[in-house]
Amino acid sequence: MNIKIIILSLSIALFFISCSSKDGFVIVEKNNKYGVLQKNGKEIIPPLYDEILISSDKKNKNIKTEHLHPINLHWLHNYNGNRYVIVKKDNKYGIVSLTNKILVEPIYEYISKEYNGYFIIKKDNKYGLLNTDFELEGDILYSDIINTSEIIFLKSNNKWSCFIDNKIKEKEKFDEIYPLIDNYSRFVIDKKWGFIDKECNVISSAKYDYAYDFSNGYAKVIKEEKILYINDEGDEIVKPSFHTGQNY
């Protein structure tokens, strides 16, 4: 039975039955299952999987591209040069090396691309983390995870924690948490707003009725229906006497 192979240029969105990586590998389809061959035809991973997602090496890190095609190709970019593919089989995801070694059994409902040194995984409707050695980092018990460039936020028991330097910090402290902007993140506790820095240190306690993101080292906040400004040390530099005001 023939295996169909079509090399796809990444600059053109086409429907296809296979595609290539720039490293000399091609995804192939046989009987609606997908595998990986070298361009010379040598089989690397047999066509056993419902989907295959390819990773590249560290020289391409932080490049974000998504190609919404029938096989759901998503180019991943890892930091340590490991070559692997994320595979889907029987509606579960795992990770296989380009020597056909199973690094992570296909038991997860979801596996993200590697970012900030971790994969986000999902199992039994709960989220967890895999490190770059493909090992679990703690338990799979979170209802949500936000992975940013400097810090990871974990949600459990309807509260958010920080995960930084492989440790949980400020465990289940925040009611809401927002992505880092200018190295600072807004949070909410008991309907009051404050800020943490990229090390999860509180620079401004939860005392404002609302807070805007930092911009150029300053943030606009609202307190008792008045507007004031704070600096990146949490100091109030303008007294709360204005009803309107622009961001810095």
Foldseek 3Di string as FASTA:
>chain_A
DDKDFDADDPVDADADQKYADPVQKMWIDDPQFIAIDGVVGHGQGDRQFNAKEWEAEQVPPPDFDWHDYPRRYGYAYDHHGFTWIWTHHPQFIFIAGSNRHTQGPRQFNDWAGDALQWIWTHHPQFIFIAGPSRDTLDDRAFNDWDDDNQWIWTHDPQFIWIQHPSDTHCPRPFNDWADADPQKIWTADPQFIFIAGSVRHTQADRQFNDWDHADPQKTWTHHPQFIFMAGPNHDTPGPRDHNDDDHD
